[in-house]
Amino acid sequence: MTYEELIQRLDPGVYKSLRQSIELGKWPDGRKITPQQREISLEAVIYYENLHDIPEQERVGYLDRGSKAGTACDPSVRLSQQSGGNDVDPDQFVEVKS
């Protein structure tokens, strides 16, 4: 059985258990999850979510950018080079004086 076949046959209850273990840092029986176990479980969960078309906002690691979406604080936004080669939009920042 290949890794892809294993993930395709993964029971939704097992997926939810893996996801909860990653979030809490421990297995359902209370044992601490090791960094290697967390990494392997996270890969399986991400693969499962991609394979089963889980909505993006429900996926592990999803960050709701809220009011920051579309601003310079949103790393998915790139300013065009029309601003004279400067990648910083000064309107996106506020000067804080102490």
PDB file of N, CA and C in Angstrom:
ATOM      1  N   MET A   1       0.855  -1.176   0.000  1.00  0.00           N
ATOM      2  CA  MET A   1       0.000   0.000   0.000  1.00  0.00           C
ATOM      3  C   MET A   1       0.904   1.244   0.000  1.00  0.00           C
ATOM      4  N   THR A   2       0.590   2.159  -0.882  1.00  0.00           N
ATOM      5  CA  THR A   2       1.368   3.390  -0.957  1.00  0.00           C
ATOM      6  C   THR A   2       0.844   4.405   0.061  1.00  0.00           C
ATOM      7  N   TYR A   3       1.633   5.458   0.262  1.00  0.00           N
ATOM      8  CA  TYR A   3       1.241   6.530   1.190  1.00  0.00           C
ATOM      9  C   TYR A   3      -0.068   7.162   0.732  1.00  0.00           C
ATOM     10  N   GLU A   4      -0.190   7.392  -0.580  1.00  0.00           N
ATOM     11  CA  GLU A   4      -1.409   8.016  -1.119  1.00  0.00           C
ATOM     12  C   GLU A   4      -2.630   7.125  -0.875  1.00  0.00           C
ATOM     13  N   GLU A   5      -2.482   5.813  -1.064  1.00  0.00           N
ATOM     14  CA  GLU A   5      -3.592   4.897  -0.812  1.00  0.00           C
ATOM     15  C   GLU A   5      -3.978   4.899   0.666  1.00  0.00           C
ATOM     16  N   LEU A   6      -2.976   4.962   1.516  1.00  0.00           N
ATOM     17  CA  LEU A   6      -3.229   5.000   2.954  1.00  0.00           C
ATOM     18  C   LEU A   6      -4.040   6.233   3.335  1.00  0.00           C
ATOM     19  N   ILE A   7      -3.660   7.376   2.803  1.00  0.00           N
ATOM     20  CA  ILE A   7      -4.363   8.626   3.105  1.00  0.00           C
ATOM     21  C   ILE A   7      -5.773   8.600   2.517  1.00  0.00           C
ATOM     22  N   GLN A   8      -5.938   8.021   1.314  1.00  0.00           N
ATOM     23  CA  GLN A   8      -7.261   7.932   0.699  1.00  0.00           C
ATOM     24  C   GLN A   8      -8.212   7.097   1.556  1.00  0.00           C
ATOM     25  N   ARG A   9      -7.683   6.088   2.216  1.00  0.00           N
ATOM     26  CA  ARG A   9      -8.513   5.183   3.022  1.00  0.00           C
ATOM     27  C   ARG A   9      -8.590   5.612   4.492  1.00  0.00           C
ATOM     28  N   LEU A  10      -7.944   6.701   4.825  1.00  0.00           N
ATOM     29  CA  LEU A  10      -7.924   7.158   6.210  1.00  0.00           C
ATOM     30  C   LEU A  10      -9.335   7.522   6.669  1.00  0.00           C
ATOM     31  N   ASP A  11      -9.729   6.975   7.790  1.00  0.00           N
ATOM     32  CA  ASP A  11     -11.038   7.229   8.368  1.00  0.00           C
ATOM     33  C   ASP A  11     -11.109   8.679   8.850  1.00  0.00           C
ATOM     34  N   PRO A  12     -12.222   9.384   8.626  1.00  0.00           N
ATOM     35  CA  PRO A  12     -12.343  10.773   9.101  1.00  0.00           C
ATOM     36  C   PRO A  12     -12.120  10.909  10.605  1.00  0.00           C
ATOM     37  N   GLY A  13     -12.493   9.886  11.382  1.00  0.00           N
ATOM     38  CA  GLY A  13     -12.265   9.921  12.827  1.00  0.00           C
ATOM     39  C   GLY A  13     -10.777   9.901  13.166  1.00  0.00           C
ATOM     40  N   VAL A  14     -10.007   9.140  12.403  1.00  0.00           N
ATOM     41  CA  VAL A  14      -8.558   9.087  12.611  1.00  0.00           C
ATOM     42  C   VAL A  14      -7.933  10.428  12.228  1.00  0.00           C
ATOM     43  N   TYR A  15      -8.412  11.010  11.118  1.00  0.00           N
ATOM     44  CA  TYR A  15      -7.940  12.341  10.706  1.00  0.00           C
ATOM     45  C   TYR A  15      -8.170  13.363  11.816  1.00  0.00           C
ATOM     46  N   LYS A  16      -9.375  13.362  12.390  1.00  0.00           N
ATOM     47  CA  LYS A  16      -9.696  14.317  13.449  1.00  0.00           C
ATOM     48  C   LYS A  16      -8.839  14.071  14.694  1.00  0.00           C
ATOM     49  N   SER A  17      -8.568  12.812  14.982  1.00  0.00           N
ATOM     50  CA  SER A  17      -7.719  12.471  16.126  1.00  0.00           C
ATOM     51  C   SER A  17      -6.284  12.941  15.903  1.00  0.00           C
ATOM     52  N   LEU A  18      -5.757  12.733  14.691  1.00  0.00           N
ATOM     53  CA  LEU A  18      -4.412  13.208  14.364  1.00  0.00           C
ATOM     54  C   LEU A  18      -4.335  14.727  14.477  1.00  0.00           C
ATOM     55  N   ARG A  19      -5.344  15.385  13.936  1.00  0.00           N
ATOM     56  CA  ARG A  19      -5.371  16.848  13.977  1.00  0.00           C
ATOM     57  C   ARG A  19      -5.398  17.362  15.418  1.00  0.00           C
ATOM     58  N   GLN A  20      -6.214  16.741  16.261  1.00  0.00           N
ATOM     59  CA  GLN A  20      -6.293  17.154  17.655  1.00  0.00           C
ATOM     60  C   GLN A  20      -4.970  16.882  18.373  1.00  0.00           C
ATOM     61  N   SER A  21      -4.324  15.780  18.059  1.00  0.00           N
ATOM     62  CA  SER A  21      -3.039  15.460  18.675  1.00  0.00           C
ATOM     63  C   SER A  21      -1.985  16.491  18.309  1.00  0.00           C
ATOM     64  N   ILE A  22      -2.010  16.944  17.071  1.00  0.00           N
ATOM     65  CA  ILE A  22      -1.068  17.981  16.631  1.00  0.00           C
ATOM     66  C   ILE A  22      -1.334  19.269  17.398  1.00  0.00           C
ATOM     67  N   GLU A  23      -2.598  19.644  17.521  1.00  0.00           N
ATOM     68  CA  GLU A  23      -2.977  20.885  18.198  1.00  0.00           C
ATOM     69  C   GLU A  23      -2.623  20.867  19.683  1.00  0.00           C
ATOM     70  N   LEU A  24      -2.864  19.733  20.341  1.00  0.00           N
ATOM     71  CA  LEU A  24      -2.649  19.645  21.792  1.00  0.00           C
ATOM     72  C   LEU A  24      -1.235  19.226  22.175  1.00  0.00           C
ATOM     73  N   GLY A  25      -0.516  18.605  21.232  1.00  0.00           N
ATOM     74  CA  GLY A  25       0.832  18.150  21.530  1.00  0.00           C
ATOM     75  C   GLY A  25       0.871  16.849  22.317  1.00  0.00           C
ATOM     76  N   LYS A  26      -0.262  16.134  22.313  1.00  0.00           N
ATOM     77  CA  LYS A  26      -0.301  14.843  22.999  1.00  0.00           C
ATOM     78  C   LYS A  26      -1.314  13.936  22.320  1.00  0.00           C
ATOM     79  N   TRP A  27      -1.110  12.626  22.490  1.00  0.00           N
ATOM     80  CA  TRP A  27      -2.007  11.626  21.924  1.00  0.00           C
ATOM     81  C   TRP A  27      -3.263  11.541  22.787  1.00  0.00           C
ATOM     82  N   PRO A  28      -4.329  10.948  22.253  1.00  0.00           N
ATOM     83  CA  PRO A  28      -5.570  10.837  23.036  1.00  0.00           C
ATOM     84  C   PRO A  28      -5.385  10.142  24.390  1.00  0.00           C
ATOM     85  N   ASP A  29      -4.362   9.268  24.502  1.00  0.00           N
ATOM     86  CA  ASP A  29      -4.134   8.586  25.785  1.00  0.00           C
ATOM     87  C   ASP A  29      -3.274   9.412  26.743  1.00  0.00           C
ATOM     88  N   GLY A  30      -2.887  10.635  26.325  1.00  0.00           N
ATOM     89  CA  GLY A  30      -2.152  11.544  27.200  1.00  0.00           C
ATOM     90  C   GLY A  30      -0.647  11.566  27.009  1.00  0.00           C
ATOM     91  N   ARG A  31      -0.107  10.602  26.244  1.00  0.00           N
ATOM     92  CA  ARG A  31       1.341  10.609  26.000  1.00  0.00           C
ATOM     93  C   ARG A  31       1.727  11.800  25.126  1.00  0.00           C
ATOM     94  N   LYS A  32       2.891  12.382  25.418  1.00  0.00           N
ATOM     95  CA  LYS A  32       3.376  13.531  24.659  1.00  0.00           C
ATOM     96  C   LYS A  32       3.769  13.088  23.253  1.00  0.00           C
ATOM     97  N   ILE A  33       3.406  13.909  22.268  1.00  0.00           N
ATOM     98  CA  ILE A  33       3.764  13.627  20.882  1.00  0.00           C
ATOM     99  C   ILE A  33       5.189  14.137  20.645  1.00  0.00           C
ATOM    100  N   THR A  34       6.032  13.317  20.024  1.00  0.00           N
ATOM    101  CA  THR A  34       7.410  13.706  19.762  1.00  0.00           C
ATOM    102  C   THR A  34       7.454  14.624  18.539  1.00  0.00           C
ATOM    103  N   PRO A  35       8.532  15.389  18.384  1.00  0.00           N
ATOM    104  CA  PRO A  35       8.636  16.249  17.197  1.00  0.00           C
ATOM    105  C   PRO A  35       8.537  15.456  15.884  1.00  0.00           C
ATOM    106  N   GLN A  36       9.119  14.270  15.845  1.00  0.00           N
ATOM    107  CA  GLN A  36       9.043  13.452  14.627  1.00  0.00           C
ATOM    108  C   GLN A  36       7.603  12.976  14.383  1.00  0.00           C
ATOM    109  N   GLN A  37       6.916  12.566  15.444  1.00  0.00           N
ATOM    110  CA  GLN A  37       5.521  12.146  15.307  1.00  0.00           C
ATOM    111  C   GLN A  37       4.648  13.311  14.861  1.00  0.00           C
ATOM    112  N   ARG A  38       4.907  14.497  15.398  1.00  0.00           N
ATOM    113  CA  ARG A  38       4.138  15.685  15.007  1.00  0.00           C
ATOM    114  C   ARG A  38       4.350  15.991  13.529  1.00  0.00           C
ATOM    115  N   GLU A  39       5.594  15.901  13.080  1.00  0.00           N
ATOM    116  CA  GLU A  39       5.907  16.190  11.681  1.00  0.00           C
ATOM    117  C   GLU A  39       5.206  15.206  10.746  1.00  0.00           C
ATOM    118  N   ILE A  40       5.281  13.913  11.059  1.00  0.00           N
ATOM    119  CA  ILE A  40       4.655  12.892  10.227  1.00  0.00           C
ATOM    120  C   ILE A  40       3.137  13.049  10.240  1.00  0.00           C
ATOM    121  N   SER A  41       2.572  13.311  11.410  1.00  0.00           N
ATOM    122  CA  SER A  41       1.118  13.485  11.534  1.00  0.00           C
ATOM    123  C   SER A  41       0.659  14.722  10.771  1.00  0.00           C
ATOM    124  N   LEU A  42       1.428  15.796  10.857  1.00  0.00           N
ATOM    125  CA  LEU A  42       1.077  17.031  10.157  1.00  0.00           C
ATOM    126  C   LEU A  42       1.093  16.816   8.647  1.00  0.00           C
ATOM    127  N   GLU A  43       2.092  16.092   8.157  1.00  0.00           N
ATOM    128  CA  GLU A  43       2.146  15.790   6.722  1.00  0.00           C
ATOM    129  C   GLU A  43       0.922  14.985   6.297  1.00  0.00           C
ATOM    130  N   ALA A  44       0.535  14.009   7.107  1.00  0.00           N
ATOM    131  CA  ALA A  44      -0.625  13.183   6.784  1.00  0.00           C
ATOM    132  C   ALA A  44      -1.904  14.020   6.786  1.00  0.00           C
ATOM    133  N   VAL A  45      -2.049  14.901   7.770  1.00  0.00           N
ATOM    134  CA  VAL A  45      -3.240  15.745   7.870  1.00  0.00           C
ATOM    135  C   VAL A  45      -3.316  16.697   6.678  1.00  0.00           C
ATOM    136  N   ILE A  46      -2.217  17.321   6.330  1.00  0.00           N
ATOM    137  CA  ILE A  46      -2.207  18.251   5.189  1.00  0.00           C
ATOM    138  C   ILE A  46      -2.535  17.502   3.898  1.00  0.00           C
ATOM    139  N   TYR A  47      -1.945  16.336   3.722  1.00  0.00           N
ATOM    140  CA  TYR A  47      -2.206  15.530   2.526  1.00  0.00           C
ATOM    141  C   TYR A  47      -3.678  15.126   2.478  1.00  0.00           C
ATOM    142  N   TYR A  48      -4.229  14.710   3.608  1.00  0.00           N
ATOM    143  CA  TYR A  48      -5.636  14.325   3.699  1.00  0.00           C
ATOM    144  C   TYR A  48      -6.532  15.513   3.323  1.00  0.00           C
ATOM    145  N   GLU A  49      -6.227  16.685   3.872  1.00  0.00           N
ATOM    146  CA  GLU A  49      -7.054  17.867   3.605  1.00  0.00           C
ATOM    147  C   GLU A  49      -7.022  18.251   2.129  1.00  0.00           C
ATOM    148  N   ASN A  50      -5.864  18.141   1.503  1.00  0.00           N
ATOM    149  CA  ASN A  50      -5.765  18.441   0.077  1.00  0.00           C
ATOM    150  C   ASN A  50      -6.511  17.402  -0.755  1.00  0.00           C
ATOM    151  N   LEU A  51      -6.364  16.152  -0.399  1.00  0.00           N
ATOM    152  CA  LEU A  51      -6.977  15.061  -1.146  1.00  0.00           C
ATOM    153  C   LEU A  51      -8.496  15.060  -1.030  1.00  0.00           C
ATOM    154  N   HIS A  52      -9.023  15.452   0.116  1.00  0.00           N
ATOM    155  CA  HIS A  52     -10.461  15.420   0.364  1.00  0.00           C
ATOM    156  C   HIS A  52     -11.117  16.797   0.241  1.00  0.00           C
ATOM    157  N   ASP A  53     -10.417  17.746  -0.345  1.00  0.00           N
ATOM    158  CA  ASP A  53     -10.958  19.089  -0.622  1.00  0.00           C
ATOM    159  C   ASP A  53     -11.594  19.741   0.598  1.00  0.00           C
ATOM    160  N   ILE A  54     -10.897  19.691   1.732  1.00  0.00           N
ATOM    161  CA  ILE A  54     -11.343  20.390   2.933  1.00  0.00           C
ATOM    162  C   ILE A  54     -11.244  21.893   2.640  1.00  0.00           C
ATOM    163  N   PRO A  55     -12.271  22.690   2.940  1.00  0.00           N
ATOM    164  CA  PRO A  55     -12.202  24.135   2.676  1.00  0.00           C
ATOM    165  C   PRO A  55     -10.981  24.764   3.350  1.00  0.00           C
ATOM    166  N   GLU A  56     -10.380  25.715   2.671  1.00  0.00           N
ATOM    167  CA  GLU A  56      -9.139  26.338   3.153  1.00  0.00           C
ATOM    168  C   GLU A  56      -9.261  26.861   4.581  1.00  0.00           C
ATOM    169  N   GLN A  57     -10.375  27.495   4.911  1.00  0.00           N
ATOM    170  CA  GLN A  57     -10.527  28.081   6.243  1.00  0.00           C
ATOM    171  C   GLN A  57     -10.684  27.027   7.333  1.00  0.00           C
ATOM    172  N   GLU A  58     -10.873  25.766   6.965  1.00  0.00           N
ATOM    173  CA  GLU A  58     -10.998  24.681   7.937  1.00  0.00           C
ATOM    174  C   GLU A  58      -9.721  23.850   8.047  1.00  0.00           C
ATOM    175  N   ARG A  59      -8.705  24.177   7.271  1.00  0.00           N
ATOM    176  CA  ARG A  59      -7.478  23.393   7.249  1.00  0.00           C
ATOM    177  C   ARG A  59      -6.559  23.754   8.409  1.00  0.00           C
ATOM    178  N   VAL A  60      -5.729  22.784   8.765  1.00  0.00           N
ATOM    179  CA  VAL A  60      -4.745  23.009   9.818  1.00  0.00           C
ATOM    180  C   VAL A  60      -3.775  24.105   9.359  1.00  0.00           C
ATOM    181  N   GLY A  61      -3.458  25.011  10.245  1.00  0.00           N
ATOM    182  CA  GLY A  61      -2.519  26.087   9.913  1.00  0.00           C
ATOM    183  C   GLY A  61      -3.142  27.287   9.237  1.00  0.00           C
ATOM    184  N   TYR A  62      -4.442  27.275   8.997  1.00  0.00           N
ATOM    185  CA  TYR A  62      -5.098  28.404   8.344  1.00  0.00           C
ATOM    186  C   TYR A  62      -5.041  29.632   9.241  1.00  0.00           C
ATOM    187  N   LEU A  63      -4.662  30.747   8.649  1.00  0.00           N
ATOM    188  CA  LEU A  63      -4.629  32.015   9.374  1.00  0.00           C
ATOM    189  C   LEU A  63      -5.661  32.949   8.768  1.00  0.00           C
ATOM    190  N   ASP A  64      -6.601  33.373   9.569  1.00  0.00           N
ATOM    191  CA  ASP A  64      -7.585  34.346   9.122  1.00  0.00           C
ATOM    192  C   ASP A  64      -6.934  35.713   9.210  1.00  0.00           C
ATOM    193  N   ARG A  65      -6.671  36.298   8.090  1.00  0.00           N
ATOM    194  CA  ARG A  65      -5.979  37.590   8.061  1.00  0.00           C
ATOM    195  C   ARG A  65      -6.913  38.736   8.445  1.00  0.00           C
ATOM    196  N   GLY A  66      -8.203  38.495   8.446  1.00  0.00           N
ATOM    197  CA  GLY A  66      -9.168  39.486   8.897  1.00  0.00           C
ATOM    198  C   GLY A  66      -8.949  40.848   8.273  1.00  0.00           C
ATOM    199  N   SER A  67      -8.822  41.864   9.099  1.00  0.00           N
ATOM    200  CA  SER A  67      -8.664  43.235   8.607  1.00  0.00           C
ATOM    201  C   SER A  67      -7.296  43.468   7.989  1.00  0.00           C
ATOM    202  N   LYS A  68      -6.353  42.556   8.191  1.00  0.00           N
ATOM    203  CA  LYS A  68      -5.009  42.709   7.627  1.00  0.00           C
ATOM    204  C   LYS A  68      -4.942  42.227   6.177  1.00  0.00           C
ATOM    205  N   ALA A  69      -5.962  41.504   5.724  1.00  0.00           N
ATOM    206  CA  ALA A  69      -5.965  40.966   4.368  1.00  0.00           C
ATOM    207  C   ALA A  69      -5.862  42.089   3.350  1.00  0.00           C
ATOM    208  N   GLY A  70      -4.956  41.911   2.425  1.00  0.00           N
ATOM    209  CA  GLY A  70      -4.790  42.891   1.359  1.00  0.00           C
ATOM    210  C   GLY A  70      -3.917  44.071   1.713  1.00  0.00           C
ATOM    211  N   THR A  71      -3.370  44.115   2.925  1.00  0.00           N
ATOM    212  CA  THR A  71      -2.494  45.211   3.315  1.00  0.00           C
ATOM    213  C   THR A  71      -1.043  44.751   3.245  1.00  0.00           C
ATOM    214  N   ALA A  72      -0.133  45.648   3.541  1.00  0.00           N
ATOM    215  CA  ALA A  72       1.288  45.316   3.537  1.00  0.00           C
ATOM    216  C   ALA A  72       1.619  44.279   4.604  1.00  0.00           C
ATOM    217  N   CYS A  73       0.744  44.099   5.585  1.00  0.00           N
ATOM    218  CA  CYS A  73       0.939  43.087   6.621  1.00  0.00           C
ATOM    219  C   CYS A  73       0.599  41.695   6.122  1.00  0.00           C
ATOM    220  N   ASP A  74      -0.019  41.608   4.976  1.00  0.00           N
ATOM    221  CA  ASP A  74      -0.406  40.328   4.384  1.00  0.00           C
ATOM    222  C   ASP A  74       0.716  39.889   3.445  1.00  0.00           C
ATOM    223  N   PRO A  75       1.463  38.834   3.794  1.00  0.00           N
ATOM    224  CA  PRO A  75       2.595  38.435   2.972  1.00  0.00           C
ATOM    225  C   PRO A  75       2.205  37.922   1.593  1.00  0.00           C
ATOM    226  N   SER A  76       0.927  37.625   1.364  1.00  0.00           N
ATOM    227  CA  SER A  76       0.518  37.157   0.043  1.00  0.00           C
ATOM    228  C   SER A  76       0.330  38.317  -0.932  1.00  0.00           C
ATOM    229  N   VAL A  77       0.416  39.548  -0.454  1.00  0.00           N
ATOM    230  CA  VAL A  77       0.225  40.725  -1.297  1.00  0.00           C
ATOM    231  C   VAL A  77       1.579  41.316  -1.665  1.00  0.00           C
ATOM    232  N   ARG A  78       1.778  41.509  -2.931  1.00  0.00           N
ATOM    233  CA  ARG A  78       2.990  42.156  -3.423  1.00  0.00           C
ATOM    234  C   ARG A  78       2.585  43.476  -4.065  1.00  0.00           C
ATOM    235  N   LEU A  79       3.277  44.531  -3.693  1.00  0.00           N
ATOM    236  CA  LEU A  79       3.008  45.828  -4.320  1.00  0.00           C
ATOM    237  C   LEU A  79       3.627  45.844  -5.707  1.00  0.00           C
ATOM    238  N   SER A  80       2.984  46.513  -6.611  1.00  0.00           N
ATOM    239  CA  SER A  80       3.502  46.569  -7.976  1.00  0.00           C
ATOM    240  C   SER A  80       4.764  47.421  -8.012  1.00  0.00           C
ATOM    241  N   GLN A  81       5.516  47.205  -9.022  1.00  0.00           N
ATOM    242  CA  GLN A  81       6.777  47.936  -9.194  1.00  0.00           C
ATOM    243  C   GLN A  81       6.519  49.364  -9.696  1.00  0.00           C
ATOM    244  N   GLN A  82       5.256  49.763  -9.810  1.00  0.00           N
ATOM    245  CA  GLN A  82       4.924  51.106 -10.273  1.00  0.00           C
ATOM    246  C   GLN A  82       5.299  52.175  -9.256  1.00  0.00           C
ATOM    247  N   SER A  83       5.568  51.775  -8.033  1.00  0.00           N
ATOM    248  CA  SER A  83       5.881  52.766  -7.005  1.00  0.00           C
ATOM    249  C   SER A  83       7.367  53.124  -7.022  1.00  0.00           C
ATOM    250  N   GLY A  84       7.957  53.082  -8.212  1.00  0.00           N
ATOM    251  CA  GLY A  84       9.351  53.492  -8.333  1.00  0.00           C
ATOM    252  C   GLY A  84      10.326  52.442  -7.824  1.00  0.00           C
ATOM    253  N   GLY A  85       9.953  51.190  -7.869  1.00  0.00           N
ATOM    254  CA  GLY A  85      10.838  50.126  -7.429  1.00  0.00           C
ATOM    255  C   GLY A  85      10.825  49.909  -5.926  1.00  0.00           C
ATOM    256  N   ASN A  86      10.061  50.720  -5.219  1.00  0.00           N
ATOM    257  CA  ASN A  86       9.985  50.607  -3.769  1.00  0.00           C
ATOM    258  C   ASN A  86       8.846  49.665  -3.413  1.00  0.00           C
ATOM    259  N   ASP A  87       9.131  48.593  -2.662  1.00  0.00           N
ATOM    260  CA  ASP A  87       8.120  47.606  -2.309  1.00  0.00           C
ATOM    261  C   ASP A  87       7.305  47.994  -1.085  1.00  0.00           C
ATOM    262  N   VAL A  88       7.530  49.171  -0.534  1.00  0.00           N
ATOM    263  CA  VAL A  88       6.846  49.584   0.680  1.00  0.00           C
ATOM    264  C   VAL A  88       5.837  50.667   0.348  1.00  0.00           C
ATOM    265  N   ASP A  89       4.614  50.471   0.789  1.00  0.00           N
ATOM    266  CA  ASP A  89       3.566  51.465   0.622  1.00  0.00           C
ATOM    267  C   ASP A  89       3.476  52.253   1.933  1.00  0.00           C
ATOM    268  N   PRO A  90       3.907  53.499   1.955  1.00  0.00           N
ATOM    269  CA  PRO A  90       3.931  54.265   3.203  1.00  0.00           C
ATOM    270  C   PRO A  90       2.545  54.473   3.815  1.00  0.00           C
ATOM    271  N   ASP A  91       1.492  54.350   3.022  1.00  0.00           N
ATOM    272  CA  ASP A  91       0.134  54.510   3.564  1.00  0.00           C
ATOM    273  C   ASP A  91      -0.281  53.321   4.436  1.00  0.00           C
ATOM    274  N   GLN A  92       0.469  52.239   4.399  1.00  0.00           N
ATOM    275  CA  GLN A  92       0.128  51.035   5.159  1.00  0.00           C
ATOM    276  C   GLN A  92       0.713  51.070   6.565  1.00  0.00           C
ATOM    277  N   PHE A  93       1.523  52.057   6.867  1.00  0.00           N
ATOM    278  CA  PHE A  93       2.219  52.084   8.152  1.00  0.00           C
ATOM    279  C   PHE A  93       1.867  53.350   8.920  1.00  0.00           C
ATOM    280  N   VAL A  94       1.898  53.245  10.233  1.00  0.00           N
ATOM    281  CA  VAL A  94       1.636  54.367  11.117  1.00  0.00           C
ATOM    282  C   VAL A  94       2.854  54.562  11.993  1.00  0.00           C
ATOM    283  N   GLU A  95       3.312  55.784  12.104  1.00  0.00           N
ATOM    284  CA  GLU A  95       4.461  56.073  12.949  1.00  0.00           C
ATOM    285  C   GLU A  95       4.027  56.068  14.419  1.00  0.00           C
ATOM    286  N   VAL A  96       4.762  55.341  15.230  1.00  0.00           N
ATOM    287  CA  VAL A  96       4.474  55.260  16.665  1.00  0.00           C
ATOM    288  C   VAL A  96       5.597  55.970  17.399  1.00  0.00           C
ATOM    289  N   LYS A  97       5.221  56.982  18.151  1.00  0.00           N
ATOM    290  CA  LYS A  97       6.232  57.736  18.912  1.00  0.00           C
ATOM    291  C   LYS A  97       6.133  57.342  20.373  1.00  0.00           C
ATOM    292  N   SER A  98       7.290  57.189  21.000  1.00  0.00           N
ATOM    293  CA  SER A  98       7.267  56.821  22.426  1.00  0.00           C
ATOM    294  C   SER A  98       7.444  58.029  23.311  1.00  0.00           C
TER     295      SER A  98
END
